[in-house]
């Protein structure tokens, strides 16, 4: 499945003016990186893939439509998958983009 281009445009709008922003194909979707660190992506499986502080993962997955990202059967702290319904409104998308961007900015530049 290709990523949702409309969602990618909405993410791009949320991150407009962000210093150090780049885009890259990753994980079958379009990832948005800040200073070389992935913040958020329009996932090729639908919805969002984003990074977060690993210590905040449990609290963040309490939100509707949010789940730990799973890779090869292993759930990963610090990575979230948000179903399309969880990013349907601009307010919800903005919240998730802010989570990913805040964490990416906290990491050393690559």
C-alpha atoms as a PDB file:
ATOM      1  CA  UNK A   1       0.000   0.000   0.000  1.00  0.00           C
ATOM      2  CA  UNK A   2       1.350   3.427  -0.895  1.00  0.00           C
ATOM      3  CA  UNK A   3       1.291   6.138   1.749  1.00  0.00           C
ATOM      4  CA  UNK A   4      -1.553   8.660   1.853  1.00  0.00           C
ATOM      5  CA  UNK A   5      -0.302  11.699  -0.075  1.00  0.00           C
ATOM      6  CA  UNK A   6      -2.959  13.949   1.451  1.00  0.00           C
ATOM      7  CA  UNK A   7      -1.728  12.964   4.896  1.00  0.00           C
ATOM      8  CA  UNK A   8       1.850  13.713   3.829  1.00  0.00           C
ATOM      9  CA  UNK A   9       0.762  17.197   2.669  1.00  0.00           C
ATOM     10  CA  UNK A  10      -0.959  17.784   6.003  1.00  0.00           C
ATOM     11  CA  UNK A  11       2.162  16.709   7.913  1.00  0.00           C
ATOM     12  CA  UNK A  12       4.287  18.953   5.702  1.00  0.00           C
ATOM     13  CA  UNK A  13       1.980  21.882   6.517  1.00  0.00           C
ATOM     14  CA  UNK A  14       2.251  21.147  10.261  1.00  0.00           C
ATOM     15  CA  UNK A  15       6.050  21.166  10.017  1.00  0.00           C
ATOM     16  CA  UNK A  16       6.382  24.159   7.682  1.00  0.00           C
ATOM     17  CA  UNK A  17       9.104  26.498   8.836  1.00  0.00           C
ATOM     18  CA  UNK A  18      10.848  23.798  10.878  1.00  0.00           C
ATOM     19  CA  UNK A  19      14.613  24.202  10.776  1.00  0.00           C
ATOM     20  CA  UNK A  20      16.531  21.131   9.594  1.00  0.00           C
ATOM     21  CA  UNK A  21      13.477  19.445   8.037  1.00  0.00           C
ATOM     22  CA  UNK A  22      14.017  16.834   5.320  1.00  0.00           C
ATOM     23  CA  UNK A  23      11.824  14.190   3.745  1.00  0.00           C
ATOM     24  CA  UNK A  24      12.855  10.641   2.938  1.00  0.00           C
ATOM     25  CA  UNK A  25      11.198   7.434   1.796  1.00  0.00           C
ATOM     26  CA  UNK A  26      11.298   5.049   4.777  1.00  0.00           C
ATOM     27  CA  UNK A  27       9.304   2.079   6.036  1.00  0.00           C
ATOM     28  CA  UNK A  28       7.197   2.096   2.861  1.00  0.00           C
ATOM     29  CA  UNK A  29       6.041   5.651   3.547  1.00  0.00           C
ATOM     30  CA  UNK A  30       7.270   9.224   3.556  1.00  0.00           C
ATOM     31  CA  UNK A  31       9.227  10.181   6.673  1.00  0.00           C
ATOM     32  CA  UNK A  32       9.862  13.687   7.930  1.00  0.00           C
ATOM     33  CA  UNK A  33      13.206  14.091   9.655  1.00  0.00           C
ATOM     34  CA  UNK A  34      14.448  16.930  11.824  1.00  0.00           C
ATOM     35  CA  UNK A  35      18.232  17.305  11.886  1.00  0.00           C
ATOM     36  CA  UNK A  36      18.469  13.791  10.456  1.00  0.00           C
ATOM     37  CA  UNK A  37      16.247  12.165  13.087  1.00  0.00           C
ATOM     38  CA  UNK A  38      12.894  10.738  12.087  1.00  0.00           C
ATOM     39  CA  UNK A  39       9.987  12.579  13.701  1.00  0.00           C
ATOM     40  CA  UNK A  40       6.884  11.323  11.917  1.00  0.00           C
ATOM     41  CA  UNK A  41       5.918   9.508   8.734  1.00  0.00           C
ATOM     42  CA  UNK A  42       2.900   9.010   6.544  1.00  0.00           C
ATOM     43  CA  UNK A  43       2.975   5.234   6.788  1.00  0.00           C
ATOM     44  CA  UNK A  44       2.719   2.927   3.825  1.00  0.00           C
ATOM     45  CA  UNK A  45       0.352   0.853   5.987  1.00  0.00           C
ATOM     46  CA  UNK A  46      -1.938   3.833   6.566  1.00  0.00           C
ATOM     47  CA  UNK A  47      -1.930   6.403   9.334  1.00  0.00           C
ATOM     48  CA  UNK A  48       1.166   7.670  11.074  1.00  0.00           C
ATOM     49  CA  UNK A  49       4.411   6.219  12.311  1.00  0.00           C
ATOM     50  CA  UNK A  50       6.198   8.434  14.803  1.00  0.00           C
ATOM     51  CA  UNK A  51       8.952   8.530  17.353  1.00  0.00           C
ATOM     52  CA  UNK A  52       8.470   9.496  20.945  1.00  0.00           C
ATOM     53  CA  UNK A  53      10.362   9.461  24.197  1.00  0.00           C
ATOM     54  CA  UNK A  54      10.502   5.754  25.115  1.00  0.00           C
ATOM     55  CA  UNK A  55       9.544   6.635  28.702  1.00  0.00           C
ATOM     56  CA  UNK A  56       6.287   8.199  27.422  1.00  0.00           C
ATOM     57  CA  UNK A  57       5.200   5.251  25.262  1.00  0.00           C
ATOM     58  CA  UNK A  58       2.817   3.722  27.828  1.00  0.00           C
ATOM     59  CA  UNK A  59       1.025   7.026  28.420  1.00  0.00           C
ATOM     60  CA  UNK A  60       0.765   7.807  24.708  1.00  0.00           C
ATOM     61  CA  UNK A  61      -0.762   4.466  23.751  1.00  0.00           C
ATOM     62  CA  UNK A  62      -3.650   5.202  26.107  1.00  0.00           C
ATOM     63  CA  UNK A  63      -4.898   7.604  23.408  1.00  0.00           C
ATOM     64  CA  UNK A  64      -7.496   6.208  20.996  1.00  0.00           C
ATOM     65  CA  UNK A  65      -6.029   4.741  17.805  1.00  0.00           C
ATOM     66  CA  UNK A  66      -2.421   4.731  19.112  1.00  0.00           C
ATOM     67  CA  UNK A  67      -0.348   1.553  19.381  1.00  0.00           C
ATOM     68  CA  UNK A  68       3.272   0.581  19.892  1.00  0.00           C
ATOM     69  CA  UNK A  69       4.988   0.071  16.561  1.00  0.00           C
ATOM     70  CA  UNK A  70       5.701  -3.591  15.964  1.00  0.00           C
ATOM     71  CA  UNK A  71       8.701  -4.788  13.980  1.00  0.00           C
ATOM     72  CA  UNK A  72       9.185  -8.494  13.299  1.00  0.00           C
ATOM     73  CA  UNK A  73       6.680  -9.377  15.992  1.00  0.00           C
ATOM     74  CA  UNK A  74       8.348  -7.216  18.629  1.00  0.00           C
ATOM     75  CA  UNK A  75       6.634  -4.141  20.081  1.00  0.00           C
ATOM     76  CA  UNK A  76       9.026  -1.229  20.396  1.00  0.00           C
ATOM     77  CA  UNK A  77       9.019   1.520  23.019  1.00  0.00           C
ATOM     78  CA  UNK A  78       9.703   4.931  21.526  1.00  0.00           C
ATOM     79  CA  UNK A  79       7.857   4.169  18.279  1.00  0.00           C
ATOM     80  CA  UNK A  80       4.110   4.577  17.737  1.00  0.00           C
ATOM     81  CA  UNK A  81       1.647   3.693  15.034  1.00  0.00           C
ATOM     82  CA  UNK A  82      -1.451   5.896  14.875  1.00  0.00           C
ATOM     83  CA  UNK A  83      -4.393   4.570  12.877  1.00  0.00           C
ATOM     84  CA  UNK A  84      -5.832   6.874  10.178  1.00  0.00           C
ATOM     85  CA  UNK A  85      -8.800   7.739  12.422  1.00  0.00           C
ATOM     86  CA  UNK A  86      -6.372   9.040  15.043  1.00  0.00           C
ATOM     87  CA  UNK A  87      -5.063  11.687  12.651  1.00  0.00           C
ATOM     88  CA  UNK A  88      -8.314  12.533  10.861  1.00  0.00           C
ATOM     89  CA  UNK A  89      -8.747  15.962  12.438  1.00  0.00           C
ATOM     90  CA  UNK A  90      -6.176  18.712  12.115  1.00  0.00           C
ATOM     91  CA  UNK A  91      -6.020  18.987  15.914  1.00  0.00           C
ATOM     92  CA  UNK A  92      -5.251  15.283  16.337  1.00  0.00           C
ATOM     93  CA  UNK A  93      -2.667  15.333  13.556  1.00  0.00           C
ATOM     94  CA  UNK A  94      -1.033  18.419  15.075  1.00  0.00           C
ATOM     95  CA  UNK A  95      -0.784  16.712  18.454  1.00  0.00           C
ATOM     96  CA  UNK A  96       0.928  13.628  17.037  1.00  0.00           C
ATOM     97  CA  UNK A  97       3.256  15.630  14.796  1.00  0.00           C
ATOM     98  CA  UNK A  98       4.252  17.714  17.827  1.00  0.00           C
ATOM     99  CA  UNK A  99       5.081  14.554  19.807  1.00  0.00           C
ATOM    100  CA  UNK A 100       7.355  13.279  17.045  1.00  0.00           C
ATOM    101  CA  UNK A 101       8.943  16.657  16.309  1.00  0.00           C
ATOM    102  CA  UNK A 102       9.644  17.360  19.975  1.00  0.00           C
ATOM    103  CA  UNK A 103      11.404  14.039  20.392  1.00  0.00           C
ATOM    104  CA  UNK A 104      13.390  14.376  17.157  1.00  0.00           C
ATOM    105  CA  UNK A 105      14.595  17.835  18.227  1.00  0.00           C
ATOM    106  CA  UNK A 106      15.785  16.386  21.561  1.00  0.00           C
ATOM    107  CA  UNK A 107      18.203  14.010  19.816  1.00  0.00           C
ATOM    108  CA  UNK A 108      21.720  14.909  18.660  1.00  0.00           C
ATOM    109  CA  UNK A 109      21.806  15.962  14.982  1.00  0.00           C
ATOM    110  CA  UNK A 110      22.967  13.283  12.549  1.00  0.00           C
END
